[in-house]
């Protein structure tokens, strides 16, 4: 949905409801375009890899043995 800044400000409660329903509102002002949309819920710590990482196959302890860290281990 396209609108101008004046209409967007005047009808903000309606615009917010539309965005919450999934509509992307494009606000055009002075030759620039801005998008107003609902922010998606976070996917957690793994982000886009959620559900793909095989966490059960990870071994216990660090991935690189401490003996190989040298001066960084301190």
N, C-alpha and C. Protein backbone atom coordinates (compact mmCIF):
# COMPACT_ATOMS: atom_id res chain seq x y z
N UNK A 1 0.84 -1.17 0.00
CA UNK A 1 0.00 0.00 0.00
C UNK A 1 0.89 1.24 0.00
N UNK A 2 0.61 2.17 -0.87
CA UNK A 2 1.39 3.41 -0.92
C UNK A 2 0.58 4.54 -0.28
N UNK A 3 1.30 5.42 0.40
CA UNK A 3 0.67 6.57 1.02
C UNK A 3 1.70 7.69 1.15
N UNK A 4 1.23 8.86 1.54
CA UNK A 4 2.17 9.95 1.80
C UNK A 4 2.31 10.13 3.31
N UNK A 5 3.25 10.95 3.72
CA UNK A 5 3.57 11.09 5.14
C UNK A 5 2.40 11.68 5.93
N UNK A 6 1.68 12.60 5.32
CA UNK A 6 0.57 13.24 6.02
C UNK A 6 -0.54 12.24 6.34
N UNK A 7 -0.90 11.43 5.36
CA UNK A 7 -1.92 10.41 5.57
C UNK A 7 -1.44 9.35 6.55
N UNK A 8 -0.18 8.99 6.45
CA UNK A 8 0.39 7.99 7.35
C UNK A 8 0.30 8.47 8.80
N UNK A 9 0.66 9.70 9.05
CA UNK A 9 0.59 10.24 10.40
C UNK A 9 -0.84 10.38 10.89
N UNK A 10 -1.72 10.86 10.03
CA UNK A 10 -3.11 11.07 10.43
C UNK A 10 -3.81 9.75 10.73
N UNK A 11 -3.53 8.71 9.93
CA UNK A 11 -4.19 7.42 10.08
C UNK A 11 -3.28 6.36 10.69
N UNK A 12 -2.38 6.78 11.59
CA UNK A 12 -1.41 5.82 12.11
C UNK A 12 -2.04 4.59 12.77
N UNK A 13 -3.08 4.72 13.60
CA UNK A 13 -3.66 3.50 14.18
C UNK A 13 -4.11 2.50 13.11
N UNK A 14 -4.71 3.00 12.03
CA UNK A 14 -5.13 2.12 10.93
C UNK A 14 -3.92 1.52 10.23
N UNK A 15 -2.88 2.32 10.01
CA UNK A 15 -1.66 1.82 9.35
C UNK A 15 -1.00 0.74 10.19
N UNK A 16 -1.00 0.94 11.49
CA UNK A 16 -0.40 -0.05 12.39
C UNK A 16 -1.17 -1.37 12.32
N UNK A 17 -2.50 -1.29 12.28
CA UNK A 17 -3.31 -2.51 12.16
C UNK A 17 -3.03 -3.22 10.84
N UNK A 18 -2.91 -2.45 9.76
CA UNK A 18 -2.61 -3.05 8.46
C UNK A 18 -1.24 -3.74 8.48
N UNK A 19 -0.26 -3.08 9.06
CA UNK A 19 1.08 -3.67 9.14
C UNK A 19 1.06 -4.93 9.99
N UNK A 20 0.31 -4.90 11.08
CA UNK A 20 0.22 -6.09 11.94
C UNK A 20 -0.42 -7.26 11.20
N UNK A 21 -1.28 -6.96 10.24
CA UNK A 21 -1.93 -8.00 9.45
C UNK A 21 -1.05 -8.49 8.31
N UNK A 22 0.11 -7.86 8.11
CA UNK A 22 1.04 -8.33 7.09
C UNK A 22 1.19 -7.42 5.88
N UNK A 23 0.47 -6.32 5.86
CA UNK A 23 0.57 -5.38 4.73
C UNK A 23 1.82 -4.52 4.88
N UNK A 24 2.56 -4.36 3.80
CA UNK A 24 3.72 -3.46 3.79
C UNK A 24 3.22 -2.10 3.33
N UNK A 25 3.47 -1.07 4.12
CA UNK A 25 3.03 0.28 3.79
C UNK A 25 4.24 1.06 3.32
N UNK A 26 4.16 1.59 2.11
CA UNK A 26 5.24 2.39 1.54
C UNK A 26 4.86 3.85 1.71
N UNK A 27 5.68 4.58 2.47
CA UNK A 27 5.45 6.00 2.72
C UNK A 27 6.41 6.79 1.84
N UNK A 28 5.85 7.62 0.97
CA UNK A 28 6.67 8.42 0.08
C UNK A 28 6.68 9.86 0.56
N UNK A 29 7.88 10.42 0.67
CA UNK A 29 8.03 11.79 1.16
C UNK A 29 9.26 12.41 0.55
N UNK A 30 9.09 13.54 -0.10
CA UNK A 30 10.19 14.31 -0.67
C UNK A 30 11.13 13.47 -1.54
N UNK A 31 10.54 12.65 -2.39
CA UNK A 31 11.34 11.85 -3.32
C UNK A 31 11.96 10.60 -2.72
N UNK A 32 11.68 10.31 -1.47
CA UNK A 32 12.20 9.11 -0.82
C UNK A 32 11.05 8.18 -0.46
N UNK A 33 11.34 6.90 -0.40
CA UNK A 33 10.34 5.90 -0.02
C UNK A 33 10.80 5.18 1.24
N UNK A 34 9.88 4.95 2.14
CA UNK A 34 10.15 4.24 3.38
C UNK A 34 9.11 3.13 3.52
N UNK A 35 9.53 2.01 4.10
CA UNK A 35 8.60 0.90 4.31
C UNK A 35 8.28 0.77 5.78
N UNK A 36 7.02 0.56 6.07
CA UNK A 36 6.55 0.32 7.43
C UNK A 36 5.93 -1.05 7.42
N UNK A 37 6.47 -1.94 8.24
CA UNK A 37 5.97 -3.32 8.29
C UNK A 37 6.15 -3.88 9.68
N UNK A 38 5.48 -4.98 9.94
CA UNK A 38 5.61 -5.66 11.21
C UNK A 38 6.95 -6.38 11.26
N UNK A 39 7.62 -6.29 12.38
CA UNK A 39 8.89 -7.00 12.54
C UNK A 39 8.58 -8.46 12.84
N UNK A 40 9.29 -9.34 12.16
CA UNK A 40 9.10 -10.77 12.39
C UNK A 40 9.69 -11.17 13.73
N UNK A 41 9.13 -12.19 14.31
CA UNK A 41 9.66 -12.71 15.57
C UNK A 41 11.05 -13.27 15.32
N UNK A 42 11.93 -13.10 16.30
CA UNK A 42 13.30 -13.60 16.18
C UNK A 42 13.33 -15.11 16.06
N UNK A 43 14.34 -15.61 15.38
CA UNK A 43 14.45 -17.05 15.18
C UNK A 43 15.32 -17.71 16.24
N UNK A 44 15.78 -16.93 17.20
CA UNK A 44 16.58 -17.51 18.27
C UNK A 44 18.07 -17.37 18.01
N UNK A 45 18.83 -18.07 18.79
CA UNK A 45 20.28 -17.96 18.74
C UNK A 45 20.86 -18.47 17.43
N UNK A 46 20.27 -19.50 16.86
CA UNK A 46 20.81 -20.10 15.65
C UNK A 46 20.39 -19.37 14.37
N UNK A 47 19.44 -18.48 14.47
CA UNK A 47 19.02 -17.71 13.30
C UNK A 47 18.51 -18.59 12.18
N UNK A 48 19.02 -18.38 10.98
CA UNK A 48 18.52 -19.12 9.82
C UNK A 48 18.91 -20.59 9.87
N UNK A 49 19.83 -20.96 10.73
CA UNK A 49 20.25 -22.36 10.83
C UNK A 49 19.38 -23.16 11.81
N UNK A 50 18.38 -22.52 12.41
CA UNK A 50 17.50 -23.24 13.34
C UNK A 50 16.84 -24.40 12.61
N UNK A 51 16.90 -25.55 13.20
CA UNK A 51 16.32 -26.74 12.60
C UNK A 51 17.25 -27.48 11.65
N UNK A 52 18.35 -26.86 11.27
CA UNK A 52 19.28 -27.50 10.35
C UNK A 52 20.53 -28.02 11.05
N UNK A 53 20.92 -27.38 12.12
CA UNK A 53 22.14 -27.78 12.83
C UNK A 53 21.90 -29.08 13.57
N UNK A 54 22.84 -29.98 13.51
CA UNK A 54 22.75 -31.27 14.18
C UNK A 54 23.46 -31.17 15.54
N UNK A 55 22.78 -30.60 16.51
CA UNK A 55 23.40 -30.35 17.80
C UNK A 55 23.67 -31.62 18.57
N UNK A 56 22.94 -32.67 18.30
CA UNK A 56 23.16 -33.94 19.00
C UNK A 56 24.48 -34.59 18.63
N UNK A 57 25.08 -34.22 17.51
CA UNK A 57 26.33 -34.83 17.06
C UNK A 57 27.56 -34.08 17.54
N UNK A 58 27.36 -32.97 18.23
CA UNK A 58 28.51 -32.22 18.74
C UNK A 58 29.17 -32.97 19.88
N UNK A 59 30.48 -32.89 19.94
CA UNK A 59 31.19 -33.54 21.05
C UNK A 59 31.26 -32.59 22.23
N UNK A 60 31.49 -33.14 23.41
CA UNK A 60 31.63 -32.32 24.60
C UNK A 60 32.98 -31.64 24.60
N UNK A 61 33.03 -30.43 25.16
CA UNK A 61 34.29 -29.71 25.26
C UNK A 61 34.51 -28.80 24.06
N UNK A 62 35.65 -28.13 24.05
CA UNK A 62 35.93 -27.19 22.96
C UNK A 62 36.19 -27.91 21.64
N UNK A 63 35.91 -27.22 20.54
CA UNK A 63 36.13 -27.80 19.21
C UNK A 63 37.61 -27.94 18.92
N UNK A 64 38.42 -27.01 19.43
CA UNK A 64 39.87 -27.07 19.27
C UNK A 64 40.46 -27.39 20.65
N UNK A 65 41.25 -28.46 20.77
CA UNK A 65 41.81 -28.81 22.07
C UNK A 65 42.64 -27.66 22.66
N UNK A 66 42.57 -27.47 23.96
CA UNK A 66 43.27 -26.37 24.62
C UNK A 66 44.77 -26.41 24.37
N UNK A 67 45.36 -27.59 24.16
CA UNK A 67 46.79 -27.69 23.92
C UNK A 67 47.19 -26.98 22.63
N UNK A 68 46.28 -26.87 21.69
CA UNK A 68 46.57 -26.21 20.41
C UNK A 68 46.37 -24.71 20.45
N UNK A 69 45.84 -24.18 21.53
CA UNK A 69 45.58 -22.74 21.64
C UNK A 69 46.83 -21.93 21.92
N UNK A 70 47.82 -22.54 22.53
CA UNK A 70 49.06 -21.84 22.84
C UNK A 70 48.83 -20.69 23.81
N UNK A 71 49.32 -19.50 23.48
CA UNK A 71 49.22 -18.33 24.37
C UNK A 71 47.78 -17.85 24.52
N UNK A 72 46.90 -18.19 23.59
CA UNK A 72 45.50 -17.74 23.68
C UNK A 72 44.73 -18.45 24.80
N UNK A 73 45.23 -19.59 25.25
CA UNK A 73 44.53 -20.36 26.29
C UNK A 73 44.59 -19.69 27.64
N UNK A 74 45.43 -18.70 27.81
CA UNK A 74 45.57 -18.07 29.14
C UNK A 74 44.65 -16.93 29.32
